[in-house]
Amino acid sequence: MTGSVAHIAQRHLEGMDHRRQGPPFRHTWGRLDDLVSGTAHVFPRFQHHVSTHRTDEVADALQYVEDATRDGEWAFGFVSYEAAAGLDSALPAVPADAGRGDSALPLVWFGLAPPPLRSTELVARRSAYRAGPWSHHWTRSAYGSAFDRVKDTIAAGRTYQCNLTTTLTAPFAGDPLSFYADLAHAQESRYCAYLEIDNHVIASASPELFFEWVGNTLRTKPMKGTAPRGSSAAHDRTLLRELLDSPKERAENIIIVDLLRNDLAKVAAVGSVRVAALLTPEAYPTVWQLTSEVTAEPLPETGLVAVLRAMFPCGSVTGAPKAETMHIIQEVEARRRGIYCGAIGWVAPPSETVRARFNVAIRTAHIDLSYGTCQYGVGSGITWSSEAVAEWAELRAKHQILANTRWAGHQQLAGQH
């Protein structure tokens, strides 16, 4: 590092004993895979890292990443959902006694590293693992009660879309990288990620782009609107047509597009925000998804922290209006989301064409190897026209990829419904 960045690093590190420079944790590394193009950014090691569990240090930790990458380093890591309160005081801070979720993970963690290896396709592995049987945090009736509480807040005018989520938990044993490879191949998406940080593993098969910074363009692709895949080609076409024609699914997407337009406008040149694509269907092995694309030109001197202050967490995993809806989520879910609904990605030096790329951490598992547990989050957007039975079925469609991993307890998953 140059002297200026070293000074900034020292200032950020003073008094923060949970941040550490020096030798990396054992087995700490990461890879971020695009299974559509068959390419990956692989970070087999890092030189130092920055992390924090404290809300009041979130912005400083991210500023450290911004400064280090401007000085020529690369960064890879994640921002947990609950880090939002450290970026915007209007967003709710989660009390220490909230449900555990995966709260053992930091709010922010980034490794600062040399340029990544540009790897080829993620190859399925034969190493053994077991993830299952899976159990829901909520029973179906408990989910129905939570759904009704959200509908009450819509009726009261507090929100007009709320992303209600829950988790599945399973015992885990064996090779987590094999689990990730199976999970990623079950989804076949562009924004997969694997982070192994000491005894914690994050395995993400996310199909959703939070933002990509290419040259002087910020691009986001919100994903709202879901339908299961059909049992035949004809059935599949019918389900796709129903998705495209559904007023509820279309409105769910358009509401979030409008929210992200407003978020991007906070850091964009006047008149540069535009909707590049609206309600485009994307096919995945287990679901159809509706996506849209919003782009903007960031103002001069805009950095990573400013972008995250404006946009995090992605509106597709909160609802709208964002701040009030996040308070509702805290009331109803009453637990931490952790890495689920946060963001995972990498940041490059300004000399690179692609400056940063982050996913929305959906279709994402957190494995705690110390306890032998695995958590996987699922959710859906609730609007006034939503029905509990249909939303519960959507959760099932979204966690169906777990049944496509080896030894996942297929019958137990099906029996949850």
Protein backbone atom coordinates (compact mmCIF):
# COMPACT_ATOMS: atom_id res chain seq x y z
CA MET A 1 0.00 0.00 0.00
CA THR A 2 1.11 3.57 -0.50
CA GLY A 3 1.70 5.77 2.51
CA SER A 4 -1.64 7.54 2.17
CA VAL A 5 -3.68 4.36 2.16
CA ALA A 6 -1.54 2.86 4.90
CA HIS A 7 -2.35 5.91 7.03
CA ILE A 8 -6.08 5.50 6.30
CA ALA A 9 -5.84 1.79 7.11
CA GLN A 10 -4.17 2.56 10.42
CA ARG A 11 -6.83 5.13 11.28
CA HIS A 12 -9.60 2.66 10.46
CA LEU A 13 -7.94 -0.16 12.35
CA GLU A 14 -7.25 1.74 15.57
CA GLY A 15 -9.32 0.39 18.42
CA MET A 16 -11.03 -2.28 16.29
CA ASP A 17 -9.72 -5.58 17.58
CA HIS A 18 -12.12 -7.51 15.32
CA ARG A 19 -10.29 -6.16 12.27
CA ARG A 20 -6.91 -7.65 11.62
CA GLN A 21 -3.96 -7.22 9.30
CA GLY A 22 -1.42 -9.96 8.78
CA PRO A 23 -1.72 -13.64 7.89
CA PRO A 24 -5.18 -14.60 6.67
CA PHE A 25 -7.45 -17.01 8.46
CA ARG A 26 -6.81 -20.63 7.57
CA HIS A 27 -8.75 -21.69 4.46
CA THR A 28 -10.07 -18.19 3.78
CA TRP A 29 -10.67 -17.65 0.07
CA GLY A 30 -13.45 -16.92 -2.40
CA ARG A 31 -14.71 -17.35 -5.94
CA LEU A 32 -17.50 -15.59 -7.83
CA ASP A 33 -18.94 -17.55 -10.74
CA ASP A 34 -20.89 -16.68 -13.86
CA LEU A 35 -22.33 -20.03 -14.88
CA VAL A 36 -23.87 -18.58 -18.03
CA SER A 37 -20.53 -17.53 -19.53
CA GLY A 38 -18.58 -20.24 -17.71
CA THR A 39 -16.12 -17.82 -16.11
CA ALA A 40 -15.11 -16.89 -12.57
CA HIS A 41 -13.10 -14.48 -10.47
CA VAL A 42 -11.12 -16.60 -8.01
CA PHE A 43 -9.37 -15.10 -4.99
CA PRO A 44 -7.20 -17.91 -3.57
CA ARG A 45 -5.66 -15.65 -0.94
CA PHE A 46 -5.78 -12.13 0.45
CA GLN A 47 -3.20 -9.79 1.94
CA HIS A 48 -5.31 -8.27 4.71
CA HIS A 49 -8.98 -7.86 5.50
CA VAL A 50 -11.49 -5.52 7.04
CA SER A 51 -14.58 -6.58 8.96
CA THR A 52 -16.90 -5.38 11.67
CA HIS A 53 -19.83 -6.57 13.75
CA ARG A 54 -20.68 -3.01 14.81
CA THR A 55 -23.25 -0.84 13.07
CA ASP A 56 -21.32 2.34 13.82
CA GLU A 57 -18.27 0.98 11.98
CA VAL A 58 -19.99 -0.16 8.77
CA ALA A 59 -19.35 3.01 6.79
CA ASP A 60 -15.71 3.17 7.95
CA ALA A 61 -15.12 -0.45 6.94
CA LEU A 62 -16.56 0.18 3.47
CA GLN A 63 -14.56 3.40 3.16
CA TYR A 64 -11.46 1.35 3.87
CA VAL A 65 -12.39 -0.94 0.95
CA GLU A 66 -13.02 2.05 -1.30
CA ASP A 67 -9.68 3.66 -0.42
CA ALA A 68 -7.69 0.44 -0.81
CA THR A 69 -9.17 -0.37 -4.21
CA ARG A 70 -8.55 3.17 -5.42
CA ASP A 71 -4.92 2.54 -4.49
CA GLY A 72 -4.77 -0.54 -6.71
CA GLU A 73 -5.95 -3.47 -4.62
CA TRP A 74 -8.90 -5.76 -5.35
CA ALA A 75 -11.55 -6.59 -2.74
CA PHE A 76 -13.99 -9.48 -2.40
CA GLY A 77 -16.55 -10.03 0.31
CA PHE A 78 -20.03 -9.27 1.54
CA VAL A 79 -22.35 -6.81 3.25
CA SER A 80 -24.98 -8.38 5.53
CA TYR A 81 -28.60 -7.18 5.43
CA GLU A 82 -28.38 -5.64 8.91
CA ALA A 83 -25.46 -3.44 7.84
CA ALA A 84 -28.08 -1.12 6.32
CA ALA A 85 -28.48 0.82 9.57
CA GLY A 86 -24.80 1.74 9.39
CA LEU A 87 -25.36 3.37 6.00
CA ASP A 88 -28.67 5.13 6.63
CA SER A 89 -29.90 6.04 10.11
CA ALA A 90 -33.51 5.93 8.89
CA LEU A 91 -33.20 2.15 8.48
CA PRO A 92 -33.78 -0.08 11.50
CA ALA A 93 -30.94 -1.35 13.64
CA VAL A 94 -31.44 -4.90 14.85
CA PRO A 95 -31.32 -5.23 18.66
CA ALA A 96 -28.72 -7.57 20.11
CA ASP A 97 -31.38 -9.98 21.40
CA ALA A 98 -32.99 -10.49 17.98
CA GLY A 99 -33.21 -14.04 16.67
CA ARG A 100 -29.82 -15.46 15.80
CA GLY A 101 -30.18 -15.88 12.03
CA ASP A 102 -26.54 -16.03 10.98
CA SER A 103 -25.52 -13.22 13.31
CA ALA A 104 -22.16 -14.88 13.94
CA LEU A 105 -21.12 -13.41 10.59
CA PRO A 106 -19.83 -9.83 10.54
CA LEU A 107 -21.97 -7.04 9.15
CA VAL A 108 -19.18 -6.38 6.65
CA TRP A 109 -16.27 -8.57 5.57
CA PHE A 110 -13.84 -7.92 2.70
CA GLY A 111 -10.50 -9.42 1.83
CA LEU A 112 -8.05 -7.10 0.07
CA ALA A 113 -6.19 -9.11 -2.52
CA PRO A 114 -4.05 -9.20 -5.65
CA PRO A 115 -5.90 -9.41 -8.98
CA PRO A 116 -8.10 -12.51 -9.13
CA LEU A 117 -7.41 -15.58 -11.18
CA ARG A 118 -9.74 -15.70 -14.17
CA SER A 119 -10.96 -19.26 -13.93
CA THR A 120 -13.09 -21.27 -16.26
CA GLU A 121 -16.31 -23.14 -15.58
CA LEU A 122 -17.15 -24.35 -12.07
CA VAL A 123 -16.75 -28.12 -12.19
CA ALA A 124 -19.04 -30.40 -10.20
CA ARG A 125 -17.13 -32.20 -7.45
CA ARG A 126 -17.47 -35.74 -6.18
CA SER A 127 -16.57 -35.10 -2.56
CA ALA A 128 -19.26 -36.21 -0.15
CA TYR A 129 -21.51 -33.95 1.88
CA ARG A 130 -24.91 -34.09 3.49
CA ALA A 131 -27.30 -31.14 3.80
CA GLY A 132 -30.56 -32.25 5.33
CA PRO A 133 -33.15 -32.94 6.47
CA TRP A 134 -34.40 -29.35 6.18
CA SER A 135 -36.79 -27.72 8.63
CA HIS A 136 -38.69 -24.45 8.26
CA HIS A 137 -38.32 -21.66 10.80
CA TRP A 138 -42.09 -21.13 10.40
CA THR A 139 -44.79 -23.74 10.13
CA ARG A 140 -47.34 -23.11 7.42
CA SER A 141 -49.79 -21.71 9.98
CA ALA A 142 -47.12 -19.45 11.49
CA TYR A 143 -46.32 -18.17 8.01
CA GLY A 144 -50.03 -17.49 7.50
CA SER A 145 -50.10 -15.40 10.67
CA ALA A 146 -47.04 -13.42 9.55
CA PHE A 147 -48.62 -12.93 6.13
CA ASP A 148 -51.79 -11.56 7.76
CA ARG A 149 -49.75 -9.10 9.82
CA VAL A 150 -48.11 -7.81 6.65
CA LYS A 151 -51.49 -7.47 4.94
CA ASP A 152 -52.69 -5.44 7.94
CA THR A 153 -49.80 -3.00 7.46
CA ILE A 154 -50.72 -2.64 3.79
CA ALA A 155 -54.32 -1.91 4.76
CA ALA A 156 -53.06 0.68 7.25
CA GLY A 157 -51.09 2.44 4.52
CA ARG A 158 -47.63 1.77 6.00
CA THR A 159 -46.38 -0.14 2.94
CA TYR A 160 -47.57 -1.19 -0.48
CA GLN A 161 -45.13 -4.06 -0.95
CA CYS A 162 -43.26 -6.00 1.74
CA ASN A 163 -40.79 -8.79 1.10
CA LEU A 164 -41.59 -11.41 3.75
CA THR A 165 -38.88 -14.02 4.30
CA THR A 166 -38.15 -17.08 6.36
CA THR A 167 -35.35 -19.62 6.66
CA LEU A 168 -34.78 -23.33 6.33
CA THR A 169 -32.19 -25.01 8.54
CA ALA A 170 -30.43 -28.35 8.20
CA PRO A 171 -27.51 -30.22 9.70
CA PHE A 172 -24.48 -30.13 7.41
CA ALA A 173 -21.46 -32.40 7.14
CA GLY A 174 -18.82 -32.91 4.49
CA ASP A 175 -17.38 -30.78 1.71
CA PRO A 176 -19.03 -27.33 1.45
CA LEU A 177 -17.48 -26.59 -1.95
CA SER A 178 -19.23 -29.65 -3.39
CA PHE A 179 -22.51 -28.38 -1.94
CA TYR A 180 -21.90 -24.99 -3.55
CA ALA A 181 -21.10 -26.54 -6.93
CA ASP A 182 -24.34 -28.54 -6.85
CA LEU A 183 -26.37 -25.54 -5.68
CA ALA A 184 -24.89 -23.29 -8.37
CA HIS A 185 -25.44 -25.83 -11.14
CA ALA A 186 -29.03 -26.31 -9.95
CA GLN A 187 -29.64 -22.59 -10.54
CA GLU A 188 -27.31 -21.90 -13.53
CA SER A 189 -27.09 -18.15 -12.90
CA ARG A 190 -24.60 -15.34 -13.47
CA TYR A 191 -24.07 -14.16 -9.90
CA CYS A 192 -22.99 -17.19 -7.88
CA ALA A 193 -20.48 -16.79 -5.06
CA TYR A 194 -18.53 -18.95 -2.64
CA LEU A 195 -16.73 -17.50 0.38
CA GLU A 196 -14.89 -19.64 2.90
CA ILE A 197 -13.99 -17.54 5.93
CA ASP A 198 -12.50 -19.58 8.75
CA ASN A 199 -15.35 -21.89 9.84
CA HIS A 200 -18.05 -20.00 7.96
CA VAL A 201 -19.04 -20.72 4.36
CA ILE A 202 -21.33 -18.63 2.19
CA ALA A 203 -22.68 -20.47 -0.85
CA SER A 204 -24.79 -18.28 -3.12
CA ALA A 205 -26.53 -19.28 -6.34
CA SER A 206 -28.08 -15.85 -6.78
CA PRO A 207 -29.70 -15.05 -10.13
CA GLU A 208 -30.09 -11.35 -9.25
CA LEU A 209 -27.68 -8.51 -9.96
CA PHE A 210 -27.66 -5.84 -7.26
CA PHE A 211 -25.41 -3.51 -9.21
CA GLU A 212 -22.59 -3.56 -11.71
CA TRP A 213 -20.33 -0.58 -12.27
CA VAL A 214 -18.94 -0.57 -15.82
CA GLY A 215 -17.04 2.50 -16.97
CA ASN A 216 -19.33 5.43 -16.20
CA THR A 217 -22.51 3.38 -15.92
CA LEU A 218 -24.23 1.85 -12.91
CA ARG A 219 -26.59 -0.98 -13.80
CA THR A 220 -29.08 -2.80 -11.60
CA LYS A 221 -31.46 -5.66 -12.51
CA PRO A 222 -34.28 -6.04 -9.97
CA MET A 223 -35.97 -9.44 -9.99
CA LYS A 224 -39.59 -9.60 -8.86
CA GLY A 225 -42.27 -11.90 -10.20
CA THR A 226 -41.97 -15.68 -9.97
CA ALA A 227 -43.62 -18.77 -11.45
CA PRO A 228 -42.61 -22.45 -11.24
CA ARG A 229 -41.38 -24.26 -14.33
CA GLY A 230 -43.85 -26.56 -16.03
CA SER A 231 -43.92 -30.34 -16.17
CA SER A 232 -43.95 -30.26 -20.00
CA ALA A 233 -43.08 -27.75 -22.71
CA ALA A 234 -46.74 -26.83 -23.15
CA HIS A 235 -47.29 -26.49 -19.41
CA ASP A 236 -44.13 -24.39 -19.15
CA ARG A 237 -45.37 -21.99 -21.84
CA THR A 238 -48.71 -21.68 -20.05
CA LEU A 239 -47.06 -20.81 -16.74
CA LEU A 240 -44.85 -18.24 -18.45
CA ARG A 241 -47.84 -16.61 -20.12
CA GLU A 242 -49.70 -16.49 -16.80
CA LEU A 243 -46.67 -14.83 -15.19
CA LEU A 244 -46.39 -12.22 -17.94
CA ASP A 245 -50.13 -11.51 -17.82
CA SER A 246 -50.44 -11.40 -14.01
CA PRO A 247 -51.32 -7.89 -12.78
CA LYS A 248 -49.98 -8.80 -9.34
CA GLU A 249 -46.59 -10.07 -10.57
CA ARG A 250 -46.16 -7.18 -13.01
CA ALA A 251 -47.02 -4.61 -10.34
CA GLU A 252 -44.61 -6.24 -7.89
CA ASN A 253 -41.77 -5.73 -10.37
CA ILE A 254 -42.73 -2.22 -11.46
CA ILE A 255 -42.99 -1.00 -7.85
CA ILE A 256 -39.39 -2.05 -7.23
CA VAL A 257 -38.20 -0.57 -10.54
CA ASP A 258 -39.60 2.77 -9.41
CA LEU A 259 -37.89 2.41 -6.02
CA LEU A 260 -34.52 1.64 -7.62
CA ARG A 261 -34.88 4.55 -10.03
CA ASN A 262 -35.22 6.80 -7.00
CA ASP A 263 -32.28 5.13 -5.22
CA LEU A 264 -29.99 5.51 -8.23
CA ALA A 265 -31.03 9.14 -8.67
CA LYS A 266 -29.35 9.94 -5.33
CA VAL A 267 -25.92 9.41 -6.91
CA ALA A 268 -26.70 9.96 -10.61
CA ALA A 269 -26.21 12.84 -13.00
CA VAL A 270 -29.47 14.66 -13.66
CA GLY A 271 -31.43 13.01 -16.44
CA SER A 272 -29.20 9.93 -16.66
CA VAL A 273 -31.45 7.41 -14.89
CA ARG A 274 -33.38 5.29 -17.35
CA VAL A 275 -35.24 1.99 -17.51
CA ALA A 276 -33.32 -0.04 -20.09
CA ALA A 277 -35.61 -3.10 -19.94
CA LEU A 278 -38.93 -3.82 -18.25
CA LEU A 279 -40.54 -7.14 -17.31
CA THR A 280 -38.15 -9.44 -19.14
CA PRO A 281 -38.68 -13.16 -18.36
CA GLU A 282 -35.66 -15.26 -17.42
CA ALA A 283 -35.73 -19.05 -17.31
CA TYR A 284 -34.03 -21.03 -14.54
CA PRO A 285 -34.20 -24.78 -13.92
CA THR A 286 -36.90 -24.52 -11.23
CA VAL A 287 -38.54 -21.09 -11.78
CA TRP A 288 -39.42 -18.33 -14.23
CA GLN A 289 -38.44 -14.85 -13.02
CA LEU A 290 -39.35 -11.37 -14.23
CA THR A 291 -36.44 -8.93 -14.35
CA SER A 292 -36.03 -5.30 -15.31
CA GLU A 293 -32.92 -3.19 -15.85
CA VAL A 294 -32.23 0.35 -14.64
CA THR A 295 -29.06 2.29 -15.52
CA ALA A 296 -27.54 5.62 -14.50
CA GLU A 297 -24.36 7.68 -14.84
CA PRO A 298 -22.88 8.34 -11.39
CA LEU A 299 -21.89 11.85 -10.43
CA PRO A 300 -18.15 12.67 -10.52
CA GLU A 301 -16.24 11.47 -7.45
CA THR A 302 -18.97 8.98 -6.55
CA GLY A 303 -17.47 6.04 -4.68
CA LEU A 304 -18.50 2.67 -3.32
CA VAL A 305 -19.76 4.05 0.00
CA ALA A 306 -22.01 6.60 -1.72
CA VAL A 307 -23.49 3.92 -3.98
CA LEU A 308 -24.22 1.61 -1.06
CA ARG A 309 -25.67 4.45 1.03
CA ALA A 310 -28.06 5.20 -1.84
CA MET A 311 -29.04 1.64 -2.74
CA PHE A 312 -28.44 -0.87 0.08
CA PRO A 313 -30.22 -3.13 0.70
CA CYS A 314 -31.71 -3.76 -2.72
CA GLY A 315 -35.38 -2.76 -2.84
CA SER A 316 -36.36 -6.14 -4.24
CA VAL A 317 -35.68 -7.75 -0.85
CA THR A 318 -37.31 -5.03 1.23
CA GLY A 319 -40.35 -3.60 -0.53
CA ALA A 320 -41.56 -0.04 -0.73
CA PRO A 321 -41.32 2.48 0.76
CA LYS A 322 -37.98 1.07 1.88
CA ALA A 323 -37.43 2.52 5.36
CA GLU A 324 -40.93 1.94 6.74
CA THR A 325 -41.13 -1.50 5.14
CA MET A 326 -37.85 -2.52 6.75
CA HIS A 327 -39.32 -1.57 10.13
CA ILE A 328 -42.30 -3.81 9.34
CA ILE A 329 -39.95 -6.64 8.36
CA GLN A 330 -38.16 -6.28 11.69
CA GLU A 331 -41.48 -6.42 13.57
CA VAL A 332 -42.86 -9.44 11.72
CA GLU A 333 -39.77 -11.57 11.07
CA ALA A 334 -38.26 -10.77 14.50
CA ARG A 335 -34.89 -12.25 13.55
CA ARG A 336 -31.72 -11.35 11.72
CA ARG A 337 -31.46 -12.13 8.02
CA GLY A 338 -27.66 -12.02 8.10
CA ILE A 339 -26.02 -12.57 4.73
CA TYR A 340 -29.39 -13.50 3.20
CA CYS A 341 -30.76 -10.43 1.37
CA GLY A 342 -27.41 -8.67 1.73
CA ALA A 343 -24.88 -8.45 -1.11
CA ILE A 344 -21.82 -10.45 -2.17
CA GLY A 345 -19.30 -9.28 -4.72
CA TRP A 346 -16.00 -7.75 -5.66
CA VAL A 347 -14.51 -4.29 -6.16
CA ALA A 348 -11.69 -3.55 -8.61
CA PRO A 349 -9.25 -0.65 -9.00
CA PRO A 350 -10.58 2.29 -11.08
CA SER A 351 -8.31 1.27 -13.96
CA GLU A 352 -10.46 -1.81 -14.58
CA THR A 353 -13.36 -1.58 -17.05
CA VAL A 354 -15.72 -3.29 -14.59
CA ARG A 355 -15.29 -1.38 -11.32
CA ALA A 356 -17.56 -3.53 -9.13
CA ARG A 357 -20.18 -6.24 -9.27
CA PHE A 358 -22.48 -7.37 -6.44
CA ASN A 359 -25.31 -9.85 -6.34
CA VAL A 360 -28.43 -9.72 -4.21
CA ALA A 361 -27.78 -12.54 -1.76
CA ILE A 362 -30.85 -14.65 -2.49
CA ARG A 363 -30.73 -18.43 -3.11
CA THR A 364 -27.95 -18.22 -0.54
CA ALA A 365 -26.84 -20.59 2.21
CA HIS A 366 -24.69 -19.93 5.25
CA ILE A 367 -22.85 -22.98 6.59
CA ASP A 368 -21.39 -22.83 10.08
CA LEU A 369 -18.82 -25.62 10.13
CA SER A 370 -18.25 -25.20 13.88
CA TYR A 371 -21.84 -26.21 14.62
CA GLY A 372 -22.49 -28.34 11.52
CA THR A 373 -25.51 -26.28 10.45
CA CYS A 374 -26.73 -24.76 7.21
CA GLN A 375 -29.30 -21.96 6.80
CA TYR A 376 -31.03 -21.02 3.56
CA GLY A 377 -33.40 -18.06 3.16
CA VAL A 378 -36.53 -17.77 1.01
CA GLY A 379 -39.03 -14.95 0.59
CA SER A 380 -41.61 -13.30 -1.62
CA GLY A 381 -43.13 -9.88 -2.17
CA ILE A 382 -46.48 -9.32 -0.48
CA THR A 383 -48.89 -6.80 -2.01
CA TRP A 384 -52.57 -6.12 -1.38
CA SER A 385 -53.57 -8.67 -4.03
CA SER A 386 -51.33 -11.43 -2.63
CA GLU A 387 -52.81 -14.65 -1.26
CA ALA A 388 -51.10 -16.67 1.45
CA VAL A 389 -51.49 -20.00 -0.34
CA ALA A 390 -49.84 -18.67 -3.50
CA GLU A 391 -47.00 -17.01 -1.58
CA TRP A 392 -46.29 -20.21 0.36
CA ALA A 393 -46.16 -22.06 -2.97
CA GLU A 394 -43.68 -19.46 -4.26
CA LEU A 395 -41.40 -20.17 -1.30
CA ARG A 396 -41.54 -23.84 -2.21
CA ALA A 397 -40.57 -23.09 -5.82
CA LYS A 398 -37.65 -20.97 -4.67
CA HIS A 399 -36.17 -23.60 -2.38
CA GLN A 400 -36.70 -26.39 -4.88
CA ILE A 401 -33.05 -26.09 -5.91
CA LEU A 402 -32.16 -27.59 -2.53
CA ALA A 403 -33.83 -30.81 -3.64
CA ASN A 404 -31.45 -30.82 -6.61
CA THR A 405 -28.39 -30.98 -4.37
CA ARG A 406 -27.11 -34.40 -3.34
CA TRP A 407 -28.45 -36.09 -0.21
CA ALA A 408 -30.69 -33.13 0.53
CA GLY A 409 -33.63 -34.98 2.05
CA HIS A 410 -35.90 -34.71 -0.99
CA GLN A 411 -38.94 -36.30 0.64
CA GLN A 412 -38.57 -34.19 3.75
CA LEU A 413 -38.50 -31.01 1.66
CA ALA A 414 -41.65 -32.03 -0.16
CA GLY A 415 -43.30 -32.94 3.12
CA GLN A 416 -42.96 -29.40 4.47
CA HIS A 417 -45.94 -28.42 2.38
